[in-house]
Protein backbone atom coordinates (compact mmCIF):
# COMPACT_ATOMS: atom_id res chain seq x y z
CA MET A 1 64.72 -164.13 -98.17
CA THR A 2 62.93 -161.90 -100.70
CA LEU A 3 62.84 -161.45 -104.44
CA PRO A 4 64.85 -158.57 -105.95
CA ALA A 5 62.78 -155.43 -106.39
CA ALA A 6 63.27 -155.55 -110.18
CA THR A 7 61.93 -159.12 -110.29
CA CYS A 8 58.88 -158.13 -108.23
CA ARG A 9 58.14 -155.24 -110.56
CA ARG A 10 58.49 -157.52 -113.57
CA LEU A 11 56.14 -160.13 -112.11
CA LEU A 12 53.63 -157.49 -111.02
CA ASN A 13 53.35 -156.48 -114.66
CA LEU A 14 51.84 -159.89 -115.39
CA PRO A 15 48.04 -160.04 -115.33
CA GLN A 16 46.59 -161.68 -112.23
CA PHE A 17 43.62 -164.02 -112.59
CA PRO A 18 41.43 -165.48 -109.82
CA THR A 19 42.99 -168.90 -110.24
CA VAL A 20 44.31 -171.46 -107.78
CA TRP A 21 47.62 -173.20 -108.43
CA VAL A 22 48.89 -176.25 -106.54
CA GLY A 23 52.51 -177.27 -106.19
CA GLY A 24 54.92 -179.58 -104.50
CA VAL A 25 57.58 -182.26 -104.87
CA CYS A 26 57.48 -186.05 -105.06
CA ALA A 27 60.23 -188.69 -105.12
CA PHE A 28 60.10 -191.69 -107.47
CA VAL A 29 62.11 -194.85 -107.91
CA ALA A 30 62.38 -196.10 -111.50
CA ASP A 31 64.81 -198.79 -112.63
CA ASP A 32 66.63 -198.62 -109.24
CA THR A 33 67.24 -194.90 -109.79
CA GLU A 34 65.71 -192.24 -107.56
CA ALA A 35 64.22 -189.20 -109.24
CA TYR A 36 62.44 -186.11 -107.93
CA CYS A 37 59.64 -184.24 -109.67
CA GLY A 38 58.59 -180.69 -108.83
CA ALA A 39 55.50 -179.19 -110.42
CA TRP A 40 53.03 -176.30 -110.41
CA LEU A 41 49.55 -177.04 -111.76
CA ASP A 42 46.61 -174.76 -112.51
CA ALA A 43 43.72 -176.30 -110.58
CA ASN A 44 41.12 -174.34 -112.55
CA SER A 45 42.15 -175.51 -116.02
CA GLN A 46 43.89 -178.66 -114.69
CA SER A 47 46.96 -177.86 -116.79
CA VAL A 48 50.68 -178.04 -116.05
CA ARG A 49 52.25 -174.61 -115.63
CA SER A 50 55.80 -175.87 -115.05
CA MET A 51 57.54 -179.05 -113.98
CA GLU A 52 61.04 -180.51 -113.70
CA VAL A 53 62.45 -183.98 -113.01
CA VAL A 54 65.89 -184.05 -111.37
CA GLU A 55 68.21 -186.60 -109.79
CA HIS A 56 68.64 -184.79 -106.48
CA PRO A 57 66.08 -183.68 -103.86
CA PHE A 58 64.34 -180.38 -104.61
CA SER A 59 65.18 -177.43 -102.40
CA LYS A 60 62.57 -174.82 -101.52
CA GLN A 61 64.58 -172.34 -103.59
CA GLN A 62 64.37 -174.63 -106.64
CA LEU A 63 60.61 -174.88 -106.28
CA MET A 64 60.40 -171.08 -106.03
CA ARG A 65 62.39 -170.78 -109.25
CA LEU A 66 59.99 -173.24 -110.84
CA LEU A 67 57.09 -171.04 -109.67
CA VAL A 68 58.62 -167.97 -111.32
CA GLN A 69 58.90 -170.03 -114.50
CA ALA A 70 55.24 -171.04 -114.14
CA MET A 71 54.28 -167.36 -114.03
CA GLU A 72 56.59 -165.93 -116.70
CA HIS A 73 57.37 -168.84 -119.02
CA PRO A 74 54.72 -171.54 -118.53
CA HIS A 75 54.27 -174.61 -120.68
CA PRO A 76 53.10 -173.60 -124.19
CA LYS A 77 49.37 -174.17 -123.63
CA ASN A 78 49.31 -171.51 -120.90
CA SER A 79 49.84 -167.77 -120.89
CA PRO A 80 52.05 -165.76 -118.53
CA CYS A 81 50.11 -164.61 -115.48
CA ARG A 82 50.00 -164.64 -111.68
CA PRO A 83 47.60 -166.76 -109.65
CA GLN A 84 45.52 -165.36 -106.85
CA THR A 85 46.18 -168.35 -104.57
CA ILE A 86 48.62 -171.23 -104.41
CA ILE A 87 48.25 -174.37 -102.30
CA VAL A 88 51.21 -176.52 -101.25
CA ASN A 89 51.38 -179.85 -99.43
CA ASP A 90 54.29 -178.93 -97.14
CA LEU A 91 54.05 -176.61 -94.12
CA GLU A 92 57.69 -175.51 -94.29
CA LEU A 93 57.23 -174.66 -97.94
CA GLN A 94 54.13 -172.61 -97.09
CA PHE A 95 56.05 -170.57 -94.50
CA PHE A 96 58.95 -170.12 -96.92
CA LEU A 97 56.76 -168.93 -99.82
CA ARG A 98 54.33 -166.79 -97.83
CA GLY A 99 56.78 -163.96 -97.18
CA ILE A 100 58.32 -164.11 -100.64
CA LEU A 101 54.97 -163.92 -102.44
CA LEU A 102 53.36 -161.26 -100.27
CA PRO A 103 54.58 -158.38 -102.51
CA LEU A 104 53.12 -160.22 -105.51
CA GLU A 105 49.66 -160.29 -103.87
CA ILE A 106 49.57 -164.11 -103.95
CA GLU A 107 48.04 -165.97 -101.01
CA VAL A 108 49.81 -169.17 -99.93
CA GLN A 109 47.74 -171.96 -98.34
CA TYR A 110 48.56 -175.43 -97.02
CA SER A 111 46.67 -178.68 -97.52
CA LYS A 112 47.94 -182.10 -96.55
CA ASP A 113 46.05 -183.79 -99.40
CA ILE A 114 45.87 -182.23 -102.86
CA PRO A 115 44.15 -184.78 -105.15
CA LEU A 116 45.14 -183.06 -108.41
CA LEU A 117 48.80 -183.00 -107.40
CA GLN A 118 48.68 -186.61 -106.20
CA GLU A 119 47.11 -187.76 -109.48
CA PHE A 120 49.75 -185.89 -111.47
CA PHE A 121 52.64 -187.42 -109.52
CA ALA A 122 51.09 -190.89 -109.86
CA PHE A 123 50.93 -190.34 -113.62
CA MET A 124 54.54 -189.12 -113.74
CA GLU A 125 55.72 -192.12 -111.73
CA SER A 126 54.00 -194.50 -114.15
CA GLU A 127 55.55 -192.65 -117.09
CA LEU A 128 59.02 -192.90 -115.60
CA ILE A 129 58.56 -196.60 -114.95
CA ASP A 130 57.20 -197.14 -118.46
CA GLU A 131 60.18 -195.24 -119.84
CA ALA A 132 62.56 -197.42 -117.82
CA GLU A 133 60.79 -200.49 -119.24
CA GLU A 134 60.52 -199.04 -122.74
CA GLN A 135 59.17 -201.43 -125.34
CA ASP A 136 61.17 -202.11 -128.49
CA VAL A 137 59.84 -200.09 -131.41
CA LEU A 138 60.18 -203.05 -133.76
CA PRO A 139 59.39 -206.76 -133.32
CA PRO A 140 62.64 -208.70 -132.70
CA GLU A 141 62.52 -210.46 -136.07
CA TYR A 142 62.54 -207.08 -137.88
CA ALA A 143 65.09 -205.29 -135.68
CA GLU A 144 68.04 -206.15 -137.94
CA LEU A 145 66.11 -205.98 -141.22
CA PHE A 146 64.89 -202.40 -140.89
CA PRO A 147 68.14 -200.35 -140.52
CA PRO A 148 69.59 -201.05 -144.00
CA LYS A 149 66.19 -200.55 -145.67
CA VAL A 150 65.58 -197.34 -143.73
CA LYS A 151 69.03 -196.05 -144.68
CA ALA A 152 68.46 -196.82 -148.37
CA PHE A 153 65.12 -195.01 -148.25
CA ALA A 154 66.57 -192.00 -146.41
CA GLU A 155 69.50 -191.67 -148.83
CA LEU A 156 67.08 -191.17 -151.74
CA ASP A 157 65.64 -188.17 -149.84
CA LEU A 158 62.13 -188.35 -151.27
CA CYS A 159 61.06 -186.03 -148.47
CA GLN A 160 63.17 -183.28 -150.01
CA HIS A 161 61.65 -183.71 -153.47
CA LEU A 162 58.02 -184.54 -152.59
CA CYS A 163 57.70 -182.32 -149.53
CA ASN A 164 54.21 -181.98 -148.05
CA MET A 165 52.26 -181.41 -151.26
CA GLN A 166 52.98 -184.34 -153.60
CA PRO A 167 51.63 -187.62 -152.17
CA LEU A 168 52.11 -191.07 -153.61
CA LYS A 169 49.56 -193.89 -153.46
CA LEU A 170 50.35 -197.54 -152.82
CA TYR A 171 47.87 -200.35 -153.41
CA CYS A 172 48.13 -203.98 -152.33
CA GLU A 173 45.18 -206.35 -151.91
CA SER A 174 47.03 -208.30 -149.20
CA TRP A 175 47.02 -205.37 -146.76
CA GLU A 176 44.25 -204.79 -144.22
CA SER A 177 43.98 -201.27 -145.70
CA PRO A 178 44.66 -202.00 -149.40
CA THR A 179 45.31 -198.33 -150.23
CA LEU A 180 47.93 -196.25 -148.45
CA VAL A 181 48.48 -192.56 -149.16
CA ALA A 182 52.09 -191.56 -148.46
CA LEU A 183 52.63 -187.92 -147.52
CA PHE A 184 56.24 -186.79 -147.18
CA ILE A 185 57.14 -184.31 -144.45
CA ASN A 186 60.27 -182.18 -144.37
CA ARG A 187 61.13 -179.78 -141.54
CA GLU A 188 64.47 -178.05 -141.70
CA SER A 189 65.27 -175.09 -139.44
CA ASP A 190 68.93 -175.26 -140.53
CA SER A 191 71.34 -177.77 -142.03
CA MET A 192 72.21 -179.12 -138.57
CA ASN A 193 68.64 -179.66 -137.32
CA ARG A 194 66.65 -181.45 -139.95
CA GLU A 195 63.63 -183.62 -139.32
CA PHE A 196 61.80 -185.49 -142.06
CA GLY A 197 59.61 -188.51 -142.54
CA VAL A 198 56.62 -190.12 -144.17
CA MET A 199 53.01 -190.50 -143.01
CA LEU A 200 51.10 -193.49 -144.39
CA TYR A 201 47.36 -192.83 -144.25
CA ARG A 202 45.28 -196.00 -144.16
CA GLY A 203 42.85 -195.31 -147.00
CA GLU A 204 41.96 -192.26 -149.07
CA SER A 205 39.17 -191.35 -146.65
CA ALA A 206 41.70 -191.25 -143.77
CA PHE A 207 43.91 -188.94 -145.82
CA TRP A 208 41.04 -186.63 -146.73
CA ASP A 209 39.85 -186.48 -143.13
CA PHE A 210 43.32 -185.26 -142.16
CA TRP A 211 43.57 -182.85 -145.07
CA GLN A 212 40.19 -181.24 -144.52
CA ARG A 213 41.00 -180.68 -140.85
CA ALA A 214 44.32 -179.10 -141.82
CA MET A 215 42.56 -176.79 -144.26
CA THR A 216 39.64 -175.78 -142.04
CA GLU A 217 41.47 -175.42 -138.70
CA PRO A 218 41.05 -171.77 -137.61
CA ALA A 219 44.43 -170.09 -137.47
CA VAL A 220 46.23 -166.79 -137.62
CA ALA A 221 49.07 -166.58 -140.12
CA GLU A 222 52.54 -166.55 -138.61
CA GLU A 223 55.69 -165.80 -140.57
CA ASP A 224 57.72 -168.58 -138.96
CA ASP A 225 55.08 -171.29 -138.96
CA ASP A 226 57.00 -174.01 -140.80
CA ASP A 227 55.61 -176.91 -138.78
CA GLU A 228 52.59 -177.11 -141.02
CA TYR A 229 51.58 -180.59 -139.97
CA ASP A 230 52.77 -180.51 -136.34
CA ASP A 231 49.16 -180.38 -135.15
CA PRO A 232 47.78 -181.52 -131.79
CA SER A 233 44.81 -182.95 -133.73
CA LEU A 234 47.23 -185.76 -134.67
CA LEU A 235 45.21 -188.04 -132.38
CA ASP A 236 42.26 -187.82 -134.79
CA GLN A 237 44.28 -189.29 -137.66
CA ASP A 238 44.54 -192.85 -138.94
CA CYS A 239 48.07 -193.45 -140.16
CA LEU A 240 51.49 -194.97 -139.59
CA LEU A 241 54.54 -192.77 -139.08
CA LEU A 242 58.21 -193.09 -139.88
CA ASN A 243 60.17 -190.08 -138.70
CA PHE A 244 63.90 -189.28 -139.06
CA GLU A 245 65.82 -186.80 -136.96
CA VAL A 246 69.42 -185.80 -136.40
CA ALA A 247 71.10 -187.45 -133.40
CA ASP A 248 74.28 -186.21 -131.78
CA THR A 249 77.37 -188.41 -131.74
CA VAL A 250 76.81 -189.68 -128.19
CA ASP A 251 73.24 -190.77 -128.84
CA ALA A 252 74.26 -192.24 -132.16
CA LEU A 253 76.43 -194.81 -130.46
CA ASP A 254 73.32 -196.34 -128.90
CA HIS A 255 70.36 -195.40 -131.06
CA ALA A 256 71.23 -194.16 -134.55
CA PHE A 257 70.94 -196.70 -137.31
CA PHE A 258 72.68 -194.89 -140.14
CA GLN A 259 74.64 -191.87 -141.30
CA LEU A 260 73.42 -189.48 -143.98
CA LYS A 261 75.54 -186.69 -145.45
CA GLY A 262 77.89 -186.72 -142.49
CA GLN A 263 75.08 -186.61 -139.90
CA TYR A 264 73.94 -189.33 -137.54
CA TYR A 265 70.25 -190.11 -137.91
CA MET A 266 67.85 -192.16 -135.85
CA PHE A 267 64.27 -192.99 -136.69
CA ASP A 268 61.05 -193.21 -134.72
CA VAL A 269 57.98 -195.17 -135.68
CA GLY A 270 54.39 -194.67 -134.66
CA VAL A 271 50.83 -195.75 -135.26
CA VAL A 272 47.91 -193.35 -134.80
CA HIS A 273 44.20 -194.15 -134.67
CA PRO A 274 41.30 -192.08 -133.30
CA LEU A 275 40.24 -194.90 -130.97
CA GLU A 276 43.74 -196.03 -129.95
CA GLY A 277 45.73 -192.81 -129.76
CA VAL A 278 49.46 -192.80 -130.48
CA ARG A 279 51.50 -196.01 -130.21
CA HIS A 280 55.27 -195.83 -130.58
CA PHE A 281 55.95 -199.33 -131.86
CA PHE A 282 54.97 -201.57 -134.79
CA ALA A 283 53.14 -204.86 -134.49
CA PRO A 284 54.66 -207.64 -136.70
CA GLU A 285 52.11 -207.18 -139.52
CA GLU A 286 52.66 -203.39 -139.46
CA ALA A 287 56.44 -203.80 -139.57
CA GLU A 288 56.05 -206.18 -142.52
CA MET A 289 53.82 -203.73 -144.40
CA VAL A 290 56.07 -200.70 -143.78
CA TYR A 291 59.13 -202.69 -144.87
CA VAL A 292 57.36 -203.57 -148.13
CA VAL A 293 56.27 -199.93 -148.56
CA LEU A 294 59.85 -198.70 -148.16
CA ASP A 295 61.09 -201.28 -150.69
CA ALA A 296 58.37 -200.25 -153.17
CA LEU A 297 59.10 -196.52 -152.76
CA ILE A 298 62.83 -197.13 -153.24
CA GLN A 299 62.27 -199.04 -156.50
CA PHE A 300 59.73 -196.49 -157.72
CA TRP A 301 62.08 -193.55 -157.09
CA GLN A 302 65.12 -195.26 -158.58
CA ARG A 303 63.10 -195.79 -161.78
CA HIS A 304 61.16 -192.51 -161.99
CA GLY A 305 62.82 -190.02 -159.64
CA LYS A 306 64.33 -187.89 -162.44
CA LYS A 307 60.84 -187.19 -163.80
CA PHE A 308 60.01 -185.19 -160.65
CA ARG A 309 62.66 -182.52 -161.16
CA ARG A 310 61.64 -178.85 -160.96
CA ASN A 311 58.48 -179.69 -158.99
CA ALA A 312 57.08 -181.81 -161.81
CA TYR A 313 54.42 -184.35 -160.84
CA PRO A 314 53.85 -186.66 -163.82
CA SER A 315 51.13 -189.29 -164.05
CA ILE A 316 52.83 -192.63 -163.28
CA GLU A 317 51.65 -196.13 -162.35
CA MET A 318 54.26 -198.75 -161.53
CA PRO A 319 53.35 -202.37 -160.62
CA LEU A 320 55.93 -204.13 -158.46
CA THR A 321 56.48 -207.53 -156.90
CA ILE A 322 58.05 -207.17 -153.46
CA SER A 323 59.35 -210.20 -151.57
CA SER A 324 58.59 -210.62 -147.89
CA PRO A 325 61.68 -209.87 -145.76
CA LEU A 326 61.01 -212.96 -143.61
CA HIS A 327 59.27 -215.53 -145.79
CA SER A 328 61.01 -216.35 -149.06
CA ALA A 329 57.88 -217.96 -150.54
CA LEU A 330 55.71 -214.91 -149.87
CA SER A 331 55.55 -211.86 -152.13
CA TYR A 332 53.30 -208.81 -152.50
CA GLN A 333 51.85 -207.28 -155.66
CA VAL A 334 52.14 -203.54 -155.03
CA GLN A 335 51.21 -200.68 -157.32
CA VAL A 336 52.84 -197.31 -156.70
CA SER A 337 51.28 -194.33 -158.44
CA THR A 338 50.94 -190.59 -158.51
CA ASP A 339 47.51 -188.96 -158.39
CA PRO A 340 47.39 -185.65 -160.31
CA ASP A 341 43.68 -185.18 -159.53
CA LEU A 342 44.34 -185.49 -155.81
CA LEU A 343 47.25 -183.03 -156.10
CA GLU A 344 45.12 -180.55 -158.00
CA GLN A 345 42.46 -180.63 -155.28
CA MET A 346 45.11 -180.19 -152.60
CA GLN A 347 46.57 -177.19 -154.43
CA GLN A 348 43.13 -175.62 -154.73
CA ASP A 349 42.55 -176.12 -151.02
CA MET A 350 45.96 -174.64 -150.22
CA ALA A 351 45.29 -171.62 -152.42
CA ALA A 352 42.00 -171.04 -150.61
CA LYS A 353 43.75 -171.43 -147.26
CA GLU A 354 46.49 -169.00 -148.25
CA GLN A 355 43.85 -166.50 -149.29
CA GLU A 356 42.15 -167.01 -145.94
CA LEU A 357 45.50 -166.46 -144.22
CA ALA A 358 46.55 -163.58 -146.44
CA PRO A 359 49.29 -161.51 -144.84
CA VAL A 360 47.85 -159.70 -141.85
CA GLU A 361 49.69 -156.78 -140.33
CA ILE A 362 49.54 -157.39 -136.60
CA LYS A 363 50.79 -154.68 -134.29
CA THR A 364 51.48 -155.51 -130.68
CA ILE A 365 50.26 -153.45 -127.77
CA PRO A 366 53.33 -152.26 -125.78
CA ALA A 367 54.86 -154.93 -123.56
CA ASP A 368 54.14 -153.21 -120.25
CA PHE A 369 50.36 -153.33 -120.01
CA TYR A 370 47.40 -155.05 -118.40
CA THR A 371 44.21 -156.19 -120.06
CA LEU A 372 41.30 -155.88 -117.64
CA PHE A 373 37.92 -157.45 -118.31
CA ARG A 374 35.31 -155.31 -116.55
CA PHE A 375 31.63 -154.33 -116.53
CA GLU A 376 30.15 -150.83 -116.61
CA THR A 377 26.70 -149.67 -115.51
CA PRO A 378 24.70 -147.19 -117.62
CA GLU A 379 25.69 -144.45 -115.16
CA SER A 380 29.41 -145.24 -115.28
CA LEU A 381 29.22 -145.46 -119.09
CA THR A 382 27.97 -141.88 -119.24
CA GLU A 383 30.81 -140.74 -116.99
CA LEU A 384 33.35 -142.67 -119.05
CA ARG A 385 32.22 -141.09 -122.32
CA GLN A 386 32.62 -137.64 -120.83
CA ALA A 387 36.01 -138.36 -119.25
CA VAL A 388 38.01 -139.60 -122.24
CA SER A 389 39.97 -137.60 -124.79
CA TYR A 390 39.09 -139.96 -127.66
CA TYR A 391 35.55 -141.30 -127.99
CA GLN A 392 34.05 -143.57 -130.68
CA SER A 393 30.28 -143.85 -130.49
CA GLY A 394 28.65 -147.17 -131.25
CA THR A 395 25.68 -149.36 -130.42
CA VAL A 396 24.98 -150.06 -126.76
CA PRO A 397 21.91 -152.20 -125.96
CA ALA A 398 19.20 -150.01 -124.46
CA THR A 399 18.47 -152.49 -121.68
CA VAL A 400 22.10 -153.02 -120.71
CA GLU A 401 22.75 -153.33 -116.99
CA ARG A 402 26.33 -154.61 -117.13
CA TYR A 403 28.16 -153.47 -120.26
CA PRO A 404 31.35 -155.57 -120.82
CA ILE A 405 34.47 -153.60 -121.64
CA LEU A 406 38.10 -154.53 -122.22
CA ILE A 407 40.51 -152.04 -120.64
CA ILE A 408 44.11 -151.81 -121.82
CA GLN A 409 46.09 -150.16 -119.03
CA THR A 410 49.62 -149.02 -119.78
CA THR A 411 51.85 -146.01 -119.17
CA LYS A 412 50.56 -142.52 -119.94
CA PRO A 413 52.82 -141.95 -122.98
CA GLN A 414 51.90 -145.35 -124.39
CA ALA A 415 48.18 -144.85 -123.74
CA LEU A 416 48.24 -141.52 -125.60
CA ALA A 417 50.26 -143.09 -128.43
CA ILE A 418 47.78 -145.97 -128.81
CA ALA A 419 44.73 -143.68 -128.79
CA THR A 420 46.38 -141.37 -131.34
CA ALA A 421 47.31 -144.31 -133.59
CA LEU A 422 43.77 -145.75 -133.43
CA ALA A 423 42.36 -142.38 -134.43
CA ALA A 424 44.81 -142.17 -137.35
CA GLU A 425 43.65 -145.62 -138.49
CA GLY A 426 40.00 -144.60 -138.56
CA GLY A 427 39.03 -146.02 -135.20
CA VAL A 428 38.24 -149.59 -134.13
CA HIS A 429 36.14 -151.72 -136.46
CA HIS A 430 35.69 -154.67 -134.09
CA LEU A 431 37.33 -156.95 -131.55
CA THR A 432 37.76 -160.65 -132.24
CA LEU A 433 38.67 -163.72 -130.23
CA VAL A 434 40.56 -166.09 -132.52
CA SER A 435 40.19 -169.50 -130.94
CA HIS A 436 40.66 -173.15 -131.92
CA GLY A 437 37.34 -174.73 -131.06
CA ASP A 438 37.41 -176.89 -127.95
CA ARG A 439 41.10 -177.77 -128.12
CA SER A 440 43.53 -176.49 -125.53
CA PHE A 441 45.17 -173.86 -127.71
CA ASP A 442 45.75 -170.29 -126.71
CA SER A 443 43.13 -167.85 -127.99
CA LEU A 444 44.13 -164.47 -129.33
CA VAL A 445 42.25 -161.27 -128.54
CA LEU A 446 42.72 -158.91 -131.50
CA LEU A 447 41.29 -155.56 -132.46
CA GLN A 448 40.85 -154.62 -136.12
CA THR A 449 41.09 -150.97 -137.05
CA ASN A 450 39.25 -149.36 -139.93
CA ALA A 451 42.54 -149.29 -141.84
CA ASN A 452 42.39 -153.11 -141.82
CA HIS A 453 45.26 -153.42 -139.37
CA PHE A 454 45.23 -155.80 -136.43
CA TRP A 455 46.47 -155.14 -132.91
CA MET A 456 47.17 -158.03 -130.54
CA CYS A 457 45.59 -157.25 -127.16
CA GLN A 458 45.97 -160.49 -125.20
CA THR A 459 46.64 -164.22 -125.35
CA LEU A 460 44.28 -166.36 -123.27
CA SER A 461 44.66 -170.01 -122.37
CA SER A 462 41.60 -172.25 -122.46
CA GLY A 463 41.43 -172.01 -118.65
CA GLU A 464 41.49 -168.21 -118.72
CA VAL A 465 38.74 -168.14 -121.36
CA ALA A 466 36.65 -170.34 -119.06
CA GLU A 467 37.26 -167.94 -116.15
CA LEU A 468 35.93 -165.09 -118.29
CA ASP A 469 32.73 -167.00 -119.06
CA GLU A 470 30.53 -164.36 -117.41
CA TRP A 471 32.17 -161.61 -119.45
CA PHE A 472 31.68 -163.48 -122.73
CA ARG A 473 28.10 -164.42 -121.82
CA ALA A 474 27.33 -160.73 -121.29
CA ILE A 475 28.69 -160.03 -124.79
CA ALA A 476 26.58 -162.83 -126.26
CA LYS A 477 23.49 -161.47 -124.46
CA GLY A 478 24.16 -158.07 -126.02
CA LYS A 479 24.60 -159.65 -129.48
CA GLY A 480 28.33 -158.86 -129.50
CA ALA A 481 28.23 -155.34 -128.15
CA CYS A 482 31.18 -154.40 -125.94
CA GLY A 483 33.58 -151.58 -125.26
CA LEU A 484 37.31 -151.00 -125.48
CA ALA A 485 39.04 -148.49 -123.21
CA ILE A 486 42.63 -147.21 -123.18
CA ALA A 487 43.94 -146.09 -119.80
CA TYR A 488 47.16 -145.33 -117.95
CA GLY A 489 48.24 -145.67 -114.33
CA MET A 490 50.74 -148.51 -113.95
CA SER A 491 51.85 -147.82 -110.41
CA GLY A 492 50.36 -147.34 -106.96
CA LYS A 493 46.73 -147.90 -106.08
CA THR A 494 45.52 -147.40 -109.63
CA LEU A 495 47.37 -150.45 -110.93
CA ARG A 496 44.60 -152.64 -112.42
CA HIS A 497 42.11 -150.06 -111.13
CA PRO A 498 42.38 -147.02 -113.41
CA THR A 499 40.39 -143.95 -112.47
CA LEU A 500 38.16 -141.96 -114.80
CA LYS A 501 40.88 -139.32 -114.97
CA GLN A 502 43.29 -141.94 -116.32
CA MET A 503 40.97 -143.05 -119.13
CA VAL A 504 42.28 -141.76 -122.47
CA GLY A 505 40.10 -143.45 -125.11
CA PHE A 506 36.76 -145.27 -125.20
CA TYR A 507 35.38 -147.16 -128.20
CA GLU A 508 31.92 -148.73 -128.43
CA VAL A 509 32.37 -151.74 -130.72
CA PHE A 510 31.40 -155.40 -131.23
CA LEU A 511 33.28 -158.62 -130.53
CA GLN A 512 33.00 -161.08 -133.41
CA PRO A 513 34.56 -164.49 -132.63
CA ASN A 514 37.02 -165.82 -135.23
CA HIS A 515 36.26 -162.96 -137.61
CA ILE A 516 39.12 -161.47 -139.63
CA ASP A 517 37.75 -159.29 -142.41
CA ARG A 518 40.39 -158.78 -145.12
CA ASP A 519 38.16 -157.80 -148.02
CA ARG A 520 36.36 -154.92 -146.32
CA PRO A 521 37.49 -151.50 -147.65
CA PRO A 522 38.58 -148.95 -145.04
CA THR A 523 35.55 -147.36 -143.38
CA PRO A 524 36.84 -144.72 -140.96
CA GLN A 525 34.70 -144.04 -137.92
CA PRO A 526 34.32 -140.54 -136.50
CA ILE A 527 36.50 -140.25 -133.42
CA GLU A 528 35.37 -137.44 -131.17
CA ARG A 529 38.25 -135.63 -129.54
CA ARG A 530 37.27 -133.99 -126.28
CA LYS A 531 40.57 -132.49 -125.08
C-alpha cells in the first residue's frame, strides 16, 4: 500500500527538520469502558503532534492517517513539517510504515521501550480515569443554590455592557482577599456560539499583574484576534472564574442549568493561582464568596445599570448587606464600586498597545516554498554575490567563517516575482523573529522591506527554534548579521539544495529579534541588478 502521488508531492512540500517522532497505540480501561489512544510525539521538543482517543482498536491505517495529520495539521503549538526519523513500538507497524514513508524520505525505526511514549500514555490513562471520576464543581450544599442565582446574573448580561474594559470592584472585610476586581469577558463569534463570563481577581495587585502581562506580551496584530484574554499565561494569574457557554439540547438535558434568550447555557467554574495552577471546582468558602458576589452584582446592576448606557462609566459606590445562602444569621457588608482612575489607566495602556500593534501589512510568501537555514563560507559568499540577478550589499563581519543565511526556495516564476517585488519596495530593511519569550508559542520569521511592509517567511515552533540554535548563535556572534537568498528549483535533486544558477536574489541584512519598526520612514536600499 502506498500514498497517492499527489499526497506525496504535497507532503514533500513541507519542510523537513532533523527531528525524531515517536508513535504508537495504547488501550485503557476507564469506568468499565475500554478506550484506545493513538499518538505521535516530537521527541526533540517533547510536544504532541497529533493524538486521538477512540472506542475501537486502532488499525495501522488509522495511525498512518494520524501521522499525516501530525505532519500537515499538528496541534496548534507545532508547525507543519516532516520528521527525519520516526520510532514505533510495534514491529508490524514498522514494516507497514517503512514502505509508505520511503518516498517522503522518513526513516522508520523500532524500539520495544519508548519512555516518552509510555509516560504520555500513562498520563492519558490517568486523565481518562480522572474524567470518569470527575469531581463535582460545587460543594453539595451549594449545588441547588447556584443555578437560580447564576441564571439571574446571566439574564442581566453585564458581560455585554461591561465587556473587557470596565471592571467593577467589590470590597468585604470578611473575605480572605477583601478586595475583588471583577473583569467581564464577552466572546461572540456569532449569535449561536457565544461565550461570556467574569474573572474575579483576588486583590488589585493580582489584577494589575494580569493587566501588565496582557499589555506587555509580545504579539503581532491579527485581524481576527477576538480572544483577547484567552492567554496561555492564565496559569500565572490569581483569580476565580465563572464562565458561561452555549450547550446543545442533548447536553442541556444533563448539564445546562438555565435558558437564556432561547439558548441552553451551562457554566464552568475555576480557581487559578500561580502556585496551584487551574482547579475546576470551588471549595465551600469560595462557593459562598462567589454566591455573595453574584448577589451583590445583581443588586448593583438593577439599581444603576441604566447609568452605563452608551459606554458611560460613572463614579458609583454602593454599600450592600448580603445574606449568606446557608446561614440565616450570617450576612456580609459588601461595597460595589466603579473605579474611573483604574479605567483611565487601562485605556491609556490599551491605546499604547494599539499603537504598538498598529496595522501591519503582512504579505505571505507563496504557499509552495521551503525555508532553508544554511551557512556560507567567505568563498561561497563571493560566488553567490556574482551569481544572483538581484543583490543588496550590506555588512558582513570581516572575520566570518560561517555566514548564516535564510534561503527561500520556490518555483522560478515565484522567485522572480518575489525578487522583483522586494526591489520595488526598496529592498530588505531587516529580518525579525517575533517570539513569545520562553513560552511554547510559535515564533514568526518576518522580513521588513524599506517600504515598511512585512513578509511572513516561516512559522517555527519552540522545538524548531531550539534545533536552529547553532544558526541563531552564529547570528548573535556576528551581532545580527545574516543573509537572505531567493532561489528556485522545487523538483528533482535541487529540492532543498538549490544551485548557484538557481539563486535569484541575495540580500545582506541583519536579524533583529522582536523588532517591528513602524515609525521609520522609507529608506530604499540600492539593489544591484546583474542580469
